[in-house]
Amino acid sequence: MADGVTDLDGRTGVALMYGDSPARRQIIIDRDSGELLAVQDALIPADGKASDPDNGEVSDSYMVRRLGWTDEAPQG
């Protein structure tokens, strides 16, 4: 786990991380609300530390911008 991880939208949260170096999946959660911000894969250099996950390059990202319930059908 690492605090202060930023998603591609610039939002900061706590990251739960798993995977082998150099690729790690980061599940980023807002510390205050507990809401999911993003799930991203980051390439962490061999000399990178789990406590400093922002030194890697994000290769894939799924960002959550709005989460909630609705009675409306999806458009599209």
C-alpha atoms as a PDB file:
ATOM      1  CA  MET A   1       0.000   0.000   0.000  1.00  0.00           C
ATOM      2  CA  ALA A   2       1.218   3.513  -0.786  1.00  0.00           C
ATOM      3  CA  ASP A   3      -0.203   6.919   0.101  1.00  0.00           C
ATOM      4  CA  GLY A   4      -0.110   9.976  -2.156  1.00  0.00           C
ATOM      5  CA  VAL A   5      -0.447   8.158  -5.486  1.00  0.00           C
ATOM      6  CA  THR A   6      -1.830  10.294  -8.319  1.00  0.00           C
ATOM      7  CA  ASP A   7      -4.059   9.076 -11.152  1.00  0.00           C
ATOM      8  CA  LEU A   8      -3.895  10.472 -14.701  1.00  0.00           C
ATOM      9  CA  ASP A   9      -6.557  13.056 -13.780  1.00  0.00           C
ATOM     10  CA  GLY A  10      -4.311  14.451 -11.031  1.00  0.00           C
ATOM     11  CA  ARG A  11      -6.402  13.113  -8.136  1.00  0.00           C
ATOM     12  CA  THR A  12      -4.436  11.775  -5.172  1.00  0.00           C
ATOM     13  CA  GLY A  13      -5.310   8.789  -3.030  1.00  0.00           C
ATOM     14  CA  VAL A  14      -4.130   5.596  -1.394  1.00  0.00           C
ATOM     15  CA  ALA A  15      -2.987   2.820  -3.739  1.00  0.00           C
ATOM     16  CA  LEU A  16      -3.305  -0.874  -3.126  1.00  0.00           C
ATOM     17  CA  MET A  17      -0.630  -2.423  -5.306  1.00  0.00           C
ATOM     18  CA  TYR A  18       0.095  -5.916  -6.524  1.00  0.00           C
ATOM     19  CA  GLY A  19       2.141  -7.573  -9.213  1.00  0.00           C
ATOM     20  CA  ASP A  20       5.787  -8.216  -9.870  1.00  0.00           C
ATOM     21  CA  SER A  21       8.306  -5.558 -10.763  1.00  0.00           C
ATOM     22  CA  PRO A  22       8.463  -3.850 -13.159  1.00  0.00           C
ATOM     23  CA  ALA A  23       4.666  -3.927 -13.727  1.00  0.00           C
ATOM     24  CA  ARG A  24       2.335  -3.229 -10.817  1.00  0.00           C
ATOM     25  CA  ARG A  25      -1.416  -2.783 -10.745  1.00  0.00           C
ATOM     26  CA  GLN A  26      -2.529   0.138  -8.592  1.00  0.00           C
ATOM     27  CA  ILE A  27      -6.064   0.408  -7.218  1.00  0.00           C
ATOM     28  CA  ILE A  28      -6.343   4.055  -6.151  1.00  0.00           C
ATOM     29  CA  ILE A  29      -8.911   4.988  -3.506  1.00  0.00           C
ATOM     30  CA  ASP A  30      -9.798   8.441  -2.178  1.00  0.00           C
ATOM     31  CA  ARG A  31      -8.591   8.528   1.420  1.00  0.00           C
ATOM     32  CA  ASP A  32     -11.442  10.724   2.711  1.00  0.00           C
ATOM     33  CA  SER A  33     -14.497   9.307   0.913  1.00  0.00           C
ATOM     34  CA  GLY A  34     -13.339   5.727   0.260  1.00  0.00           C
ATOM     35  CA  GLU A  35     -14.455   6.031  -3.367  1.00  0.00           C
ATOM     36  CA  LEU A  36     -12.603   4.286  -6.174  1.00  0.00           C
ATOM     37  CA  LEU A  37     -10.628   6.791  -8.265  1.00  0.00           C
ATOM     38  CA  ALA A  38      -8.765   4.591 -10.738  1.00  0.00           C
ATOM     39  CA  VAL A  39      -7.240   1.233 -11.521  1.00  0.00           C
ATOM     40  CA  GLN A  40      -3.977   1.569 -13.392  1.00  0.00           C
ATOM     41  CA  ASP A  41      -0.937  -0.411 -14.406  1.00  0.00           C
ATOM     42  CA  ALA A  42       2.376   1.298 -13.727  1.00  0.00           C
ATOM     43  CA  LEU A  43       5.839   0.304 -14.848  1.00  0.00           C
ATOM     44  CA  ILE A  44       8.029   0.784 -11.795  1.00  0.00           C
ATOM     45  CA  PRO A  45      11.783   0.884 -12.513  1.00  0.00           C
ATOM     46  CA  ALA A  46      13.940  -1.810 -10.944  1.00  0.00           C
ATOM     47  CA  ASP A  47      15.348   0.758  -8.494  1.00  0.00           C
ATOM     48  CA  GLY A  48      11.846   2.068  -7.653  1.00  0.00           C
ATOM     49  CA  LYS A  49      10.420   1.550  -4.193  1.00  0.00           C
ATOM     50  CA  ALA A  50       6.864   0.584  -3.279  1.00  0.00           C
ATOM     51  CA  SER A  51       6.777   3.660  -1.049  1.00  0.00           C
ATOM     52  CA  ASP A  52       7.406   5.877  -4.090  1.00  0.00           C
ATOM     53  CA  PRO A  53       5.045   4.506  -6.770  1.00  0.00           C
ATOM     54  CA  ASP A  54       4.810   7.794  -8.697  1.00  0.00           C
ATOM     55  CA  ASN A  55       8.285   7.269 -10.169  1.00  0.00           C
ATOM     56  CA  GLY A  56       6.805   4.825 -12.696  1.00  0.00           C
ATOM     57  CA  GLU A  57       5.124   5.278 -16.049  1.00  0.00           C
ATOM     58  CA  VAL A  58       1.412   4.461 -16.294  1.00  0.00           C
ATOM     59  CA  SER A  59       0.809   2.082 -19.178  1.00  0.00           C
ATOM     60  CA  ASP A  60      -2.940   1.491 -18.756  1.00  0.00           C
ATOM     61  CA  SER A  61      -5.581   3.299 -16.716  1.00  0.00           C
ATOM     62  CA  TYR A  62      -9.304   3.034 -15.965  1.00  0.00           C
ATOM     63  CA  MET A  63     -10.558   6.152 -14.214  1.00  0.00           C
ATOM     64  CA  VAL A  64     -13.841   6.520 -12.352  1.00  0.00           C
ATOM     65  CA  ARG A  65     -15.193  10.041 -12.697  1.00  0.00           C
ATOM     66  CA  ARG A  66     -18.693   9.501 -11.363  1.00  0.00           C
ATOM     67  CA  LEU A  67     -20.168   6.603  -9.460  1.00  0.00           C
ATOM     68  CA  GLY A  68     -23.740   6.189  -8.334  1.00  0.00           C
ATOM     69  CA  TRP A  69     -27.199   4.752  -8.901  1.00  0.00           C
ATOM     70  CA  THR A  70     -29.740   5.870 -11.511  1.00  0.00           C
ATOM     71  CA  ASP A  71     -33.113   4.857 -12.897  1.00  0.00           C
ATOM     72  CA  GLU A  72     -32.133   6.022 -16.380  1.00  0.00           C
ATOM     73  CA  ALA A  73     -31.061   3.615 -19.116  1.00  0.00           C
ATOM     74  CA  PRO A  74     -27.601   4.155 -20.642  1.00  0.00           C
ATOM     75  CA  GLN A  75     -27.524   6.263 -23.796  1.00  0.00           C
ATOM     76  CA  GLY A  76     -25.578   5.258 -26.784  1.00  0.00           C
END
